Amino acid sequence: MTKDNVHNSRLALLLPIRCIAFAVIFVAGALITGKKVADISNWWSVAASAVNIFTILLVVLAAKKTGRNYAQLLNFRKGMLSAKKTVITVIVMCVIGMSGMYLSGLVCYGSVMPRVTLKIAAPIPFVLALINLIVLPATISFAEDGLYLGCGVNSFKNKYAAVIIPAFFYTLQHCFIPTIFDVKYMLYRFLMFLPLTVIFCVYYRRKKNPVPLMIAHAVLDFATGMLILITSSSAQLYEKMESML
């Protein structure tokens, strides 16, 4: 095994780290607050931003150990940004993401929009929701795509392993965002994101261009952050949304 192969295989060992980090944060949070893990699920976006920052630092350090920087790890190059390609990617990813959500809800709960869907939009203190509207989308792409594409897809020579293994962990992390120890809910989250993460990994392996994916990713999470900000501005609004499902 060459030195580069050894470095790449070590990078791939980082793939489960976000699953572990989220589980630890929510379990520790439940112990500290004296609540059940499910009762603090509304704090998932704040936890995500914290884990994003941790992940970015970890990926930067990991890349440095291989003699590369973050940009080289993800294969950033000049001229990668295309407005047309980015807009198309954002639209396609939104369609795939929404389709995955509807289909997973139908499979797991018999409804395209089950009540548990609203857990992602549960309100938090308004000031935190406002801050996180910027922090979450600003960090999510650099964290997740740096880890699962840069450290994941690029670590495997086999074309199937380069997609299946990173996409699996990319999807699995969402079972812990938020962490709720309910098999049906975790399966729901896994199936929801599986199509999107597979497409992400396939696209990146073929094009080696992370820019459209990262922008699309940031847009999706900005929309989520905006939804949380809206529900955080009015508890009555969230209650009305719940009553509609």
Protein backbone atom coordinates (compact mmCIF):
# COMPACT_ATOMS: atom_id res chain seq x y z
CA MET A 1 0.00 0.00 0.00
CA THR A 2 1.39 3.41 -0.99
CA LYS A 3 1.71 6.33 1.39
CA ASP A 4 -1.20 8.13 -0.33
CA ASN A 5 -3.42 5.06 0.02
CA VAL A 6 -2.63 4.84 3.72
CA HIS A 7 -3.56 8.52 4.16
CA ASN A 8 -6.80 8.05 2.24
CA SER A 9 -7.82 4.99 4.23
CA ARG A 10 -7.24 6.95 7.43
CA LEU A 11 -9.43 9.78 6.17
CA ALA A 12 -12.25 7.31 5.55
CA LEU A 13 -12.12 6.35 9.24
CA LEU A 14 -13.54 9.80 10.03
CA LEU A 15 -16.86 9.09 8.31
CA PRO A 16 -18.78 7.92 11.44
CA ILE A 17 -17.62 10.89 13.55
CA ARG A 18 -20.73 13.05 13.11
CA CYS A 19 -23.07 10.21 14.09
CA ILE A 20 -21.09 9.77 17.30
CA ALA A 21 -20.87 13.51 17.98
CA PHE A 22 -24.62 14.08 17.68
CA ALA A 23 -25.48 11.06 19.82
CA VAL A 24 -23.07 12.23 22.53
CA ILE A 25 -24.38 15.81 22.45
CA PHE A 26 -28.04 14.82 22.79
CA VAL A 27 -27.45 12.19 25.44
CA ALA A 28 -25.25 14.58 27.44
CA GLY A 29 -27.82 17.35 26.96
CA ALA A 30 -30.58 15.11 28.28
CA LEU A 31 -28.52 14.16 31.33
CA ILE A 32 -27.62 17.79 32.07
CA THR A 33 -31.17 19.12 31.70
CA GLY A 34 -32.84 16.11 33.32
CA LYS A 35 -35.08 15.67 30.28
CA LYS A 36 -35.60 12.85 27.83
CA VAL A 37 -33.47 12.91 24.68
CA ALA A 38 -36.58 13.39 22.51
CA ASP A 39 -37.61 16.43 24.58
CA ILE A 40 -34.55 18.42 23.49
CA SER A 41 -34.82 17.49 19.80
CA ASN A 42 -35.74 21.10 18.91
CA TRP A 43 -32.13 22.09 19.62
CA TRP A 44 -30.88 20.02 16.69
CA SER A 45 -29.99 23.02 14.49
CA VAL A 46 -27.82 24.58 17.20
CA ALA A 47 -26.14 21.22 17.79
CA ALA A 48 -25.63 20.90 14.03
CA SER A 49 -23.84 24.24 13.81
CA ALA A 50 -21.55 23.26 16.69
CA VAL A 51 -20.77 19.89 15.13
CA ASN A 52 -20.23 21.59 11.77
CA ILE A 53 -17.52 23.82 13.20
CA PHE A 54 -15.91 20.83 14.90
CA THR A 55 -16.08 18.83 11.65
CA ILE A 56 -14.51 21.61 9.57
CA LEU A 57 -11.58 21.88 11.97
CA LEU A 58 -11.18 18.10 11.97
CA VAL A 59 -11.21 17.88 8.15
CA VAL A 60 -8.71 20.76 7.85
CA LEU A 61 -6.35 19.03 10.27
CA ALA A 62 -6.83 15.66 8.56
CA ALA A 63 -6.07 17.19 5.16
CA LYS A 64 -2.95 18.85 6.56
CA LYS A 65 -1.67 15.48 7.75
CA THR A 66 -1.88 14.20 4.18
CA GLY A 67 0.11 17.17 2.90
CA ARG A 68 -2.93 18.94 1.45
CA ASN A 69 -5.16 21.81 2.42
CA TYR A 70 -8.97 21.81 2.56
CA ALA A 71 -9.35 23.10 -1.00
CA GLN A 72 -7.07 20.41 -2.40
CA LEU A 73 -8.90 17.72 -0.44
CA LEU A 74 -12.21 18.68 -2.06
CA ASN A 75 -10.61 19.38 -5.45
CA PHE A 76 -11.50 23.07 -5.61
CA ARG A 77 -10.28 24.69 -8.82
CA LYS A 78 -10.76 28.04 -10.53
CA GLY A 79 -13.63 28.25 -12.98
CA MET A 80 -15.82 25.70 -11.20
CA LEU A 81 -18.60 28.16 -10.43
CA SER A 82 -21.28 28.20 -13.14
CA ALA A 83 -24.47 30.13 -12.45
CA LYS A 84 -26.57 27.98 -14.80
CA LYS A 85 -25.22 24.70 -13.44
CA THR A 86 -25.68 25.87 -9.87
CA VAL A 87 -29.31 26.90 -10.40
CA ILE A 88 -30.10 23.58 -12.08
CA THR A 89 -28.36 21.68 -9.27
CA VAL A 90 -30.30 23.58 -6.58
CA ILE A 91 -33.62 22.82 -8.30
CA VAL A 92 -32.78 19.14 -8.84
CA MET A 93 -31.57 18.67 -5.28
CA CYS A 94 -34.70 20.35 -3.89
CA VAL A 95 -36.91 18.03 -5.94
CA ILE A 96 -34.95 14.95 -4.87
CA GLY A 97 -34.92 16.08 -1.25
CA MET A 98 -38.65 16.73 -1.11
CA SER A 99 -39.38 13.46 -2.93
CA GLY A 100 -37.27 11.55 -0.42
CA MET A 101 -39.13 13.18 2.45
CA TYR A 102 -42.56 12.37 1.02
CA LEU A 103 -41.69 8.78 0.11
CA SER A 104 -40.06 8.01 3.47
CA GLY A 105 -43.11 9.42 5.27
CA LEU A 106 -45.39 7.23 3.18
CA VAL A 107 -43.29 4.11 3.79
CA CYS A 108 -42.78 4.61 7.53
CA TYR A 109 -45.94 6.41 8.63
CA GLY A 110 -48.43 5.96 5.81
CA SER A 111 -48.48 9.69 5.13
CA VAL A 112 -46.41 11.91 2.86
CA MET A 113 -46.33 14.50 5.65
CA PRO A 114 -46.43 12.73 9.03
CA ARG A 115 -46.62 14.73 12.24
CA VAL A 116 -42.99 13.88 13.13
CA THR A 117 -41.87 15.96 10.12
CA LEU A 118 -42.48 19.08 12.18
CA LYS A 119 -39.79 18.11 14.69
CA ILE A 120 -37.28 19.69 12.30
CA ALA A 121 -39.11 23.02 12.49
CA ALA A 122 -39.65 23.04 16.26
CA PRO A 123 -39.03 26.51 17.74
CA ILE A 124 -36.00 27.59 19.76
CA PRO A 125 -35.22 30.98 21.38
CA PHE A 126 -35.66 33.59 18.64
CA VAL A 127 -32.17 35.13 19.01
CA LEU A 128 -30.54 31.73 18.57
CA ALA A 129 -32.76 30.99 15.57
CA LEU A 130 -31.70 34.31 14.01
CA ILE A 131 -27.99 33.64 14.59
CA ASN A 132 -28.29 30.09 13.34
CA LEU A 133 -30.01 31.26 10.17
CA ILE A 134 -26.54 32.46 9.17
CA VAL A 135 -24.29 29.95 10.94
CA LEU A 136 -26.04 26.74 9.86
CA PRO A 137 -26.03 27.25 6.06
CA ALA A 138 -22.61 28.93 6.21
CA THR A 139 -21.00 25.87 7.81
CA ILE A 140 -23.07 22.88 6.69
CA SER A 141 -21.56 22.43 3.23
CA PHE A 142 -17.97 22.86 4.35
CA ALA A 143 -18.51 20.35 7.14
CA GLU A 144 -20.60 17.60 5.57
CA ASP A 145 -19.28 17.80 2.02
CA GLY A 146 -15.73 18.19 3.23
CA LEU A 147 -16.13 15.03 5.28
CA TYR A 148 -18.29 12.77 3.10
CA LEU A 149 -17.03 13.90 -0.31
CA GLY A 150 -13.47 15.02 0.40
CA CYS A 151 -12.60 12.41 3.03
CA GLY A 152 -15.14 9.86 1.80
CA VAL A 153 -15.60 9.66 -1.96
CA ASN A 154 -11.98 10.57 -2.64
CA SER A 155 -10.69 7.83 -0.34
CA PHE A 156 -11.92 4.88 -2.39
CA LYS A 157 -10.61 3.74 -5.78
CA ASN A 158 -13.46 1.28 -6.32
CA LYS A 159 -16.33 3.20 -7.97
CA TYR A 160 -18.99 1.37 -5.98
CA ALA A 161 -17.27 1.76 -2.62
CA ALA A 162 -16.65 5.45 -3.39
CA VAL A 163 -20.41 5.98 -3.52
CA ILE A 164 -21.94 3.39 -1.21
CA ILE A 165 -19.75 3.85 1.88
CA PRO A 166 -19.72 7.69 2.05
CA ALA A 167 -23.41 7.88 1.10
CA PHE A 168 -24.27 5.40 3.87
CA PHE A 169 -22.58 7.48 6.57
CA TYR A 170 -23.80 10.72 4.99
CA THR A 171 -27.33 9.36 5.36
CA LEU A 172 -26.79 7.69 8.73
CA GLN A 173 -25.79 10.94 10.42
CA HIS A 174 -29.29 12.29 9.75
CA CYS A 175 -30.70 9.53 11.95
CA PHE A 176 -29.05 11.39 14.85
CA ILE A 177 -30.08 14.92 13.79
CA PRO A 178 -31.98 15.13 16.06
CA THR A 179 -31.16 12.06 18.14
CA ILE A 180 -34.39 10.28 19.00
CA PHE A 181 -34.06 6.65 19.97
CA ASP A 182 -37.09 5.43 18.04
CA VAL A 183 -36.48 2.84 15.32
CA LYS A 184 -39.31 4.02 13.07
CA TYR A 185 -38.24 7.66 13.28
CA MET A 186 -34.59 6.82 12.60
CA LEU A 187 -35.59 4.68 9.62
CA TYR A 188 -37.76 7.56 8.40
CA ARG A 189 -34.79 9.92 8.56
CA PHE A 190 -32.50 7.40 6.86
CA LEU A 191 -34.83 6.78 3.93
CA MET A 192 -35.53 10.50 3.62
CA PHE A 193 -31.92 11.42 2.91
CA LEU A 194 -30.66 8.28 1.15
CA PRO A 195 -31.61 9.32 -2.44
CA LEU A 196 -30.06 12.78 -1.99
CA THR A 197 -26.77 11.58 -0.51
CA VAL A 198 -26.35 8.91 -3.18
CA ILE A 199 -26.87 11.54 -5.90
CA PHE A 200 -24.39 13.84 -4.14
CA CYS A 201 -21.72 11.13 -4.07
CA VAL A 202 -22.35 9.94 -7.64
CA TYR A 203 -22.25 13.49 -9.00
CA TYR A 204 -19.08 14.38 -7.11
CA ARG A 205 -17.27 11.19 -8.11
CA ARG A 206 -18.00 11.82 -11.78
CA LYS A 207 -17.53 15.59 -11.96
CA LYS A 208 -15.08 16.22 -9.11
CA ASN A 209 -16.77 19.59 -8.79
CA PRO A 210 -18.10 20.26 -5.28
CA VAL A 211 -19.20 23.86 -5.87
CA PRO A 212 -22.76 23.35 -7.23
CA LEU A 213 -23.42 20.69 -4.59
CA MET A 214 -22.18 22.88 -1.76
CA ILE A 215 -24.25 25.86 -2.87
CA ALA A 216 -27.35 23.68 -3.26
CA HIS A 217 -26.67 22.21 0.18
CA ALA A 218 -26.39 25.67 1.75
CA VAL A 219 -29.62 26.81 0.08
CA LEU A 220 -31.53 23.79 1.44
CA ASP A 221 -30.30 24.43 4.97
CA PHE A 222 -30.97 28.17 4.71
CA ALA A 223 -34.59 27.29 3.89
CA THR A 224 -34.69 25.02 6.94
CA GLY A 225 -33.14 27.73 9.11
CA MET A 226 -35.72 30.23 7.85
CA LEU A 227 -38.53 27.85 8.75
CA ILE A 228 -37.15 27.49 12.27
CA LEU A 229 -36.86 31.27 12.54
CA ILE A 230 -40.50 31.66 11.53
CA THR A 231 -41.77 29.09 14.05
CA SER A 232 -39.50 30.56 16.73
CA SER A 233 -41.12 33.96 16.23
CA SER A 234 -44.54 32.60 17.17
CA ALA A 235 -45.32 29.58 19.35
CA GLN A 236 -48.93 29.79 18.21
CA LEU A 237 -47.86 29.35 14.58
CA TYR A 238 -46.06 26.10 15.37
CA GLU A 239 -49.10 24.85 17.28
CA LYS A 240 -51.30 25.63 14.27
CA MET A 241 -48.91 23.73 12.00
CA GLU A 242 -49.12 20.74 14.35
CA SER A 243 -52.91 20.84 14.37
CA MET A 244 -52.94 20.66 10.57
CA LEU A 245 -51.17 17.28 10.53
